[in-house]
């Protein structure tokens, strides 16, 4: 779930107050204090307290429910599907470095649904393995297993001499958490 900070919650209140002040015609400068400025400060404090009171129980940041990448009802975005298709093509063409970079840098893939992220990270793991980066391959498999602890490779994938043993090692580490 995405994390939301208390400042993200009160920001609309602060912005609304700022917009209201800017709508006034004669806003005195800081060098010219006035009754209007004093009233505006009092209004700021009241508005801020009204916005904060409901959230005083929250300490720091908290995860709030929202339509997220883990929501099974939310379909993946077209941009994420396009990027996943690009990653599949790059992998099929043997352009493993491009797969690694695309998955590592794509905000669309990282914020997408579980199945899209799992496939992207799996292809990244395979790419790391065939490129000779066993530790990074294992790290990518661990990302997959954090998303879906019961994830398993297909029979033909699990028997692969490069990533099969690395995946089994990642499974062992994930189970030992």
Protein backbone atom coordinates (compact mmCIF):
# COMPACT_ATOMS: atom_id res chain seq x y z
CA UNK A 1 0.00 0.00 0.00
CA UNK A 2 1.32 3.46 -0.71
CA UNK A 3 2.32 5.43 2.36
CA UNK A 4 0.69 8.76 3.03
CA UNK A 5 2.16 11.31 5.41
CA UNK A 6 0.13 13.60 7.63
CA UNK A 7 1.50 16.51 5.60
CA UNK A 8 -0.13 15.00 2.50
CA UNK A 9 -3.44 14.95 4.33
CA UNK A 10 -3.36 18.55 5.55
CA UNK A 11 -1.81 19.99 2.37
CA UNK A 12 -5.24 20.58 0.75
CA UNK A 13 -6.32 22.57 3.82
CA UNK A 14 -3.18 24.69 3.71
CA UNK A 15 -3.54 25.19 -0.05
CA UNK A 16 -7.19 26.21 0.30
CA UNK A 17 -6.19 28.77 2.93
CA UNK A 18 -3.40 30.10 0.71
CA UNK A 19 -5.82 30.38 -2.24
CA UNK A 20 -8.33 32.28 -0.10
CA UNK A 21 -5.67 34.74 1.02
CA UNK A 22 -4.50 35.28 -2.55
CA UNK A 23 -8.07 36.01 -3.64
CA UNK A 24 -8.09 39.10 -1.33
CA UNK A 25 -7.39 42.40 -3.05
CA UNK A 26 -5.31 44.18 -0.39
CA UNK A 27 -3.02 41.76 1.33
CA UNK A 28 -0.59 43.81 3.40
CA UNK A 29 3.10 43.05 3.17
CA UNK A 30 5.08 41.72 6.14
CA UNK A 31 6.57 45.17 6.68
CA UNK A 32 3.09 46.68 7.16
CA UNK A 33 1.30 44.74 9.90
CA UNK A 34 -2.41 45.44 10.07
CA UNK A 35 -5.60 44.26 11.64
CA UNK A 36 -6.38 42.36 8.46
CA UNK A 37 -3.07 40.47 8.67
CA UNK A 38 -3.76 39.68 12.33
CA UNK A 39 -7.21 38.39 11.38
CA UNK A 40 -5.70 36.34 8.56
CA UNK A 41 -3.21 34.78 11.00
CA UNK A 42 -6.03 33.92 13.39
CA UNK A 43 -7.99 32.45 10.47
CA UNK A 44 -4.92 30.43 9.42
CA UNK A 45 -4.60 28.98 12.91
CA UNK A 46 -8.30 28.10 13.09
CA UNK A 47 -8.27 26.45 9.69
CA UNK A 48 -5.09 24.56 10.49
CA UNK A 49 -6.50 23.34 13.81
CA UNK A 50 -9.73 22.22 12.12
CA UNK A 51 -7.70 20.27 9.60
CA UNK A 52 -5.33 18.78 12.18
CA UNK A 53 -7.72 17.79 14.97
CA UNK A 54 -9.06 14.69 13.16
CA UNK A 55 -5.50 13.52 12.49
CA UNK A 56 -3.89 14.14 15.89
CA UNK A 57 -4.03 10.43 16.63
CA UNK A 58 -1.74 9.72 13.74
CA UNK A 59 1.96 9.77 14.52
CA UNK A 60 4.22 10.34 11.54
CA UNK A 61 3.06 8.57 8.41
CA UNK A 62 0.60 5.78 7.96
CA UNK A 63 -0.55 3.59 5.13
CA UNK A 64 -4.01 4.59 4.00
CA UNK A 65 -6.19 2.40 1.81
CA UNK A 66 -6.48 3.50 -1.78
CA UNK A 67 -6.77 2.06 -5.25
CA UNK A 68 -3.29 0.66 -5.52
CA UNK A 69 -1.14 -1.83 -7.33
CA UNK A 70 -2.33 -4.52 -4.90
CA UNK A 71 -6.02 -3.90 -5.61
CA UNK A 72 -7.25 -6.88 -7.66
CA UNK A 73 -10.09 -4.79 -9.07
CA UNK A 74 -7.76 -2.21 -10.63
CA UNK A 75 -6.57 -3.24 -14.10
CA UNK A 76 -3.00 -2.40 -15.12
CA UNK A 77 -2.52 0.86 -16.97
CA UNK A 78 -1.99 0.79 -20.70
CA UNK A 79 1.44 2.38 -20.17
CA UNK A 80 2.44 -0.48 -17.83
CA UNK A 81 1.18 -3.09 -20.32
CA UNK A 82 3.08 -1.39 -23.15
CA UNK A 83 6.27 -1.33 -21.09
CA UNK A 84 5.85 -4.99 -20.12
CA UNK A 85 5.40 -5.89 -23.79
CA UNK A 86 8.58 -3.95 -24.58
CA UNK A 87 10.43 -5.87 -21.85
CA UNK A 88 9.17 -9.17 -23.30
CA UNK A 89 10.42 -8.21 -26.77
CA UNK A 90 13.80 -7.10 -25.41
CA UNK A 91 14.15 -10.37 -23.50
CA UNK A 92 13.15 -12.46 -26.55
CA UNK A 93 15.71 -10.55 -28.65
CA UNK A 94 18.47 -11.25 -26.10
CA UNK A 95 18.82 -7.60 -25.09
CA UNK A 96 19.20 -8.45 -21.42
CA UNK A 97 20.85 -5.19 -20.39
CA UNK A 98 17.87 -3.27 -21.77
CA UNK A 99 15.47 -5.55 -19.83
CA UNK A 100 17.40 -4.90 -16.62
CA UNK A 101 17.43 -1.13 -17.16
CA UNK A 102 13.79 -0.86 -18.25
CA UNK A 103 12.47 -2.81 -15.26
CA UNK A 104 14.75 -0.93 -12.87
CA UNK A 105 13.74 2.52 -14.11
CA UNK A 106 10.07 2.16 -15.09
CA UNK A 107 7.69 3.90 -12.69
CA UNK A 108 4.76 2.42 -14.64
CA UNK A 109 5.94 -1.16 -14.03
CA UNK A 110 6.80 -0.51 -10.37
CA UNK A 111 3.34 0.93 -9.69
CA UNK A 112 1.41 -1.64 -11.70
CA UNK A 113 -0.59 -4.66 -10.61
CA UNK A 114 0.96 -7.69 -8.93
CA UNK A 115 0.95 -9.92 -12.05
CA UNK A 116 2.65 -7.23 -14.14
CA UNK A 117 5.31 -6.56 -11.48
CA UNK A 118 5.91 -10.28 -10.98
CA UNK A 119 6.47 -10.92 -14.68
CA UNK A 120 8.69 -7.85 -15.06
CA UNK A 121 10.85 -8.80 -12.04
CA UNK A 122 11.02 -12.42 -13.22
CA UNK A 123 12.30 -11.36 -16.65
CA UNK A 124 14.75 -9.02 -14.93
CA UNK A 125 15.96 -11.91 -12.75
CA UNK A 126 16.44 -14.15 -15.80
CA UNK A 127 18.34 -11.33 -17.50
CA UNK A 128 20.63 -10.87 -14.50
CA UNK A 129 21.33 -14.62 -14.41
CA UNK A 130 22.21 -14.95 -18.10
CA UNK A 131 24.37 -11.82 -17.78
CA UNK A 132 26.39 -13.44 -14.98
CA UNK A 133 24.98 -11.46 -12.03
CA UNK A 134 23.79 -14.26 -9.75
CA UNK A 135 23.37 -12.06 -6.65
CA UNK A 136 21.28 -9.49 -8.52
CA UNK A 137 19.29 -12.36 -10.03
CA UNK A 138 18.55 -13.64 -6.53
CA UNK A 139 17.61 -10.13 -5.38
CA UNK A 140 15.10 -9.85 -8.24
CA UNK A 141 13.61 -13.24 -7.32
CA UNK A 142 13.33 -12.07 -3.70
CA UNK A 143 11.33 -9.06 -4.94
CA UNK A 144 8.98 -11.46 -6.71
CA UNK A 145 8.65 -13.59 -3.57
CA UNK A 146 7.90 -10.51 -1.43
CA UNK A 147 5.01 -9.73 -3.77
CA UNK A 148 3.82 -13.34 -3.99
CA UNK A 149 5.34 -15.68 -1.37
CA UNK A 150 3.82 -18.76 -3.02
CA UNK A 151 5.25 -17.91 -6.45
CA UNK A 152 6.90 -20.80 -8.31
CA UNK A 153 8.58 -21.01 -11.66
CA UNK A 154 7.07 -23.07 -14.45
CA UNK A 155 8.62 -26.55 -14.76
CA UNK A 156 10.74 -25.58 -17.78
CA UNK A 157 11.95 -22.44 -15.97
CA UNK A 158 12.67 -24.15 -12.64
CA UNK A 159 14.95 -26.67 -14.36
CA UNK A 160 17.10 -24.02 -16.04
CA UNK A 161 20.76 -24.47 -15.07
CA UNK A 162 21.40 -20.76 -14.51
CA UNK A 163 18.38 -19.42 -12.68
CA UNK A 164 16.81 -22.62 -11.30
CA UNK A 165 19.33 -22.95 -8.44
CA UNK A 166 19.30 -19.19 -7.82
CA UNK A 167 15.50 -19.21 -7.52
CA UNK A 168 15.61 -22.13 -5.05
CA UNK A 169 18.16 -20.21 -2.98
CA UNK A 170 15.88 -17.13 -3.00
CA UNK A 171 12.94 -19.30 -1.92
CA UNK A 172 14.99 -20.58 1.01
CA UNK A 173 15.96 -17.05 2.06
CA UNK A 174 12.39 -15.81 1.69
CA UNK A 175 11.06 -18.68 3.82
CA UNK A 176 13.72 -18.02 6.49
CA UNK A 177 12.59 -14.41 7.10
